[in-house]
Amino acid sequence: PHNPFKDEKSLAPLSERYSLVNTACLDMNYKFKVSEIEFQLPKPSYTSQTLRWLVSNDNKADLGEREYFIIMGMDCLAQIDKWKDYEYIIDNFQILVYKRVGYNFDYSSLPFKFPVKEIDAPIIELSSTMIRERIKNKQSLKYLVPDCLLSSIKNLEYFQ
């Protein structure tokens, strides 16, 4: 709901972001399910606090026994030591890293060691920042977001 590294004013309202993600997951038939867990947690939202909640409430939330992974871009990994309780994350969870254009990350440069696995996937130069900029400049989002969201995004009051 509120990433502490982002200005909350630059983001669409939480209910609209939730609706967009839910629509995309349903329409694209992904095996993802949108969760409202972070709505119940204190703001700003910290990954470590969400993970602690998930691990301690696995059975209570009808999640079953799960294994949790962190998927992040290489640009985020370069700043992980700025995350709240990052030690808890790197000590307890596998981190899957997606390569980013312009980042040739040297893992040995980190002041700590932990298991990282790079995701073997095509590098697509796309980010949420780019999407927000294109919306702000009234540029097309075709091929950048799922088709099911194109008209929804245009109609959201936040983006007018």
Protein backbone atom coordinates (compact mmCIF):
# COMPACT_ATOMS: atom_id res chain seq x y z
CA PRO A 1 0.00 0.00 0.00
CA HIS A 2 2.82 2.46 0.70
CA ASN A 3 6.35 1.75 -0.44
CA PRO A 4 8.59 3.88 1.82
CA PHE A 5 10.90 4.61 -1.14
CA LYS A 6 8.11 6.18 -3.21
CA ASP A 7 6.18 9.40 -2.77
CA GLU A 8 2.64 8.28 -1.98
CA LYS A 9 1.27 11.27 -3.92
CA SER A 10 2.80 9.88 -7.13
CA LEU A 11 0.75 6.68 -6.85
CA ALA A 12 -2.87 6.03 -7.74
CA PRO A 13 -5.15 5.43 -4.74
CA LEU A 14 -4.80 2.00 -3.17
CA SER A 15 -8.28 0.83 -4.17
CA GLU A 16 -7.59 1.66 -7.83
CA ARG A 17 -4.21 -0.09 -7.82
CA TYR A 18 -5.78 -3.14 -6.19
CA SER A 19 -8.56 -3.21 -8.79
CA LEU A 20 -6.09 -2.99 -11.68
CA VAL A 21 -3.91 -5.82 -10.38
CA ASN A 22 -6.95 -7.98 -9.65
CA THR A 23 -8.39 -7.36 -13.14
CA ALA A 24 -5.09 -8.24 -14.79
CA CYS A 25 -4.71 -11.47 -12.81
CA LEU A 26 -8.27 -12.59 -13.53
CA ASP A 27 -8.22 -11.66 -17.21
CA MET A 28 -4.81 -13.07 -18.01
CA ASN A 29 -5.63 -16.33 -16.20
CA TYR A 30 -2.44 -16.13 -14.16
CA LYS A 31 -1.92 -18.48 -11.27
CA PHE A 32 -1.61 -15.41 -9.07
CA LYS A 33 -4.07 -14.31 -6.45
CA VAL A 34 -4.24 -10.74 -5.23
CA SER A 35 -3.95 -10.41 -1.47
CA GLU A 36 -5.23 -7.75 0.91
CA ILE A 37 -2.86 -8.77 3.70
CA GLU A 38 -0.85 -5.55 3.59
CA PHE A 39 -4.01 -3.47 3.94
CA GLN A 40 -4.19 -4.72 7.54
CA LEU A 41 -0.56 -4.02 8.40
CA PRO A 42 0.88 -0.68 9.58
CA LYS A 43 2.02 1.85 6.99
CA PRO A 44 4.46 2.32 5.42
CA SER A 45 4.64 -1.21 4.03
CA TYR A 46 7.82 -3.11 4.68
CA THR A 47 8.58 -6.42 2.97
CA SER A 48 10.05 -7.83 6.18
CA GLN A 49 6.86 -7.13 8.12
CA THR A 50 4.69 -8.70 5.40
CA LEU A 51 6.90 -11.79 5.31
CA ARG A 52 6.81 -12.12 9.09
CA TRP A 53 3.01 -11.94 8.97
CA LEU A 54 2.80 -14.53 6.18
CA VAL A 55 5.11 -16.98 7.94
CA SER A 56 3.39 -16.66 11.32
CA ASN A 57 -0.13 -16.83 9.87
CA ASP A 58 0.29 -19.52 7.21
CA ASN A 59 -2.40 -21.82 8.57
CA LYS A 60 -4.62 -19.14 10.09
CA ALA A 61 -4.99 -17.41 6.73
CA ASP A 62 -5.78 -20.67 4.95
CA LEU A 63 -2.58 -20.31 2.98
CA GLY A 64 -1.42 -23.83 3.73
CA GLU A 65 2.24 -24.67 4.00
CA ARG A 66 4.08 -22.32 1.67
CA GLU A 67 7.58 -21.53 0.63
CA TYR A 68 8.14 -17.82 0.07
CA PHE A 69 10.52 -16.23 -2.41
CA ILE A 70 11.44 -12.63 -3.05
CA ILE A 71 11.43 -11.62 -6.72
CA MET A 72 13.13 -8.31 -7.40
CA GLY A 73 14.92 -6.41 -10.10
CA MET A 74 18.68 -6.13 -9.99
CA ASP A 75 18.25 -2.40 -9.33
CA CYS A 76 16.41 -3.21 -6.07
CA LEU A 77 19.02 -5.75 -5.03
CA ALA A 78 21.69 -3.06 -5.30
CA GLN A 79 19.80 -1.16 -2.56
CA ILE A 80 18.62 -4.03 -0.36
CA ASP A 81 20.80 -2.88 2.53
CA LYS A 82 18.53 0.20 2.75
CA TRP A 83 15.44 -1.98 3.34
CA LYS A 84 14.02 -2.25 6.85
CA ASP A 85 15.20 -5.50 8.48
CA TYR A 86 16.92 -6.65 5.28
CA GLU A 87 18.95 -9.12 7.35
CA TYR A 88 15.76 -11.03 8.18
CA ILE A 89 14.91 -11.23 4.48
CA ILE A 90 18.31 -12.41 3.26
CA ASP A 91 18.66 -14.89 6.14
CA ASN A 92 15.27 -16.52 5.63
CA PHE A 93 14.19 -16.28 1.99
CA GLN A 94 15.52 -17.18 -1.44
CA ILE A 95 15.94 -14.07 -3.57
CA LEU A 96 15.25 -14.37 -7.28
CA VAL A 97 16.74 -11.50 -9.25
CA TYR A 98 15.53 -10.24 -12.61
CA LYS A 99 18.25 -8.62 -14.71
CA ARG A 100 17.79 -4.96 -15.66
CA VAL A 101 19.16 -3.02 -18.61
CA GLY A 102 22.25 -1.10 -17.54
CA TYR A 103 22.87 -3.19 -14.41
CA ASN A 104 25.79 -5.59 -14.46
CA PHE A 105 25.69 -6.27 -10.78
CA ASP A 106 28.77 -7.53 -9.00
CA TYR A 107 27.44 -9.63 -6.10
CA SER A 108 30.84 -9.65 -4.47
CA SER A 109 30.46 -5.89 -3.95
CA LEU A 110 27.73 -6.48 -1.37
CA PRO A 111 28.93 -6.16 2.24
CA PHE A 112 27.17 -9.45 3.07
CA LYS A 113 26.68 -12.85 1.43
CA PHE A 114 23.35 -14.58 0.82
CA PRO A 115 21.82 -16.92 -1.76
CA VAL A 116 20.74 -15.12 -4.92
CA LYS A 117 19.51 -16.75 -8.09
CA GLU A 118 19.24 -14.78 -11.30
CA ILE A 119 16.06 -15.46 -13.25
CA ASP A 120 16.82 -16.68 -16.75
CA ALA A 121 14.29 -14.58 -18.66
CA PRO A 122 14.38 -12.09 -21.51
CA ILE A 123 15.24 -8.59 -20.36
CA ILE A 124 12.31 -6.27 -21.00
CA GLU A 125 12.95 -2.58 -20.52
CA LEU A 126 9.79 -1.74 -18.58
CA SER A 127 9.12 -0.31 -15.14
CA SER A 128 6.24 1.08 -13.11
CA THR A 129 7.98 4.47 -13.26
CA MET A 130 7.94 4.31 -17.07
CA ILE A 131 4.23 3.40 -17.06
CA ARG A 132 3.36 6.31 -14.73
CA GLU A 133 5.37 8.72 -16.91
CA ARG A 134 3.60 7.55 -20.07
CA ILE A 135 0.21 8.00 -18.38
CA LYS A 136 1.18 11.47 -17.17
CA ASN A 137 2.27 12.42 -20.72
CA LYS A 138 -0.86 10.84 -22.23
CA GLN A 139 1.20 8.34 -24.24
CA SER A 140 -0.04 4.93 -25.32
CA LEU A 141 0.33 1.94 -23.02
CA LYS A 142 -0.44 -0.56 -25.77
CA TYR A 143 1.79 -3.65 -25.42
CA LEU A 144 3.10 -2.36 -22.08
CA VAL A 145 0.17 -3.40 -19.88
CA PRO A 146 -2.43 -6.14 -20.38
CA ASP A 147 -5.10 -5.10 -22.89
CA CYS A 148 -7.80 -5.57 -20.26
CA LEU A 149 -6.36 -2.58 -18.36
CA LEU A 150 -6.06 -0.06 -21.18
CA SER A 151 -9.58 1.35 -20.91
CA SER A 152 -9.62 1.05 -17.10
CA ILE A 153 -6.49 3.15 -16.76
CA LYS A 154 -7.84 5.83 -19.10
CA ASN A 155 -11.05 6.05 -17.05
CA LEU A 156 -9.50 6.28 -13.60
CA GLU A 157 -9.96 9.73 -12.10
CA TYR A 158 -6.38 9.74 -10.81
CA PHE A 159 -5.01 9.66 -14.35
CA GLN A 160 -7.23 12.44 -15.77
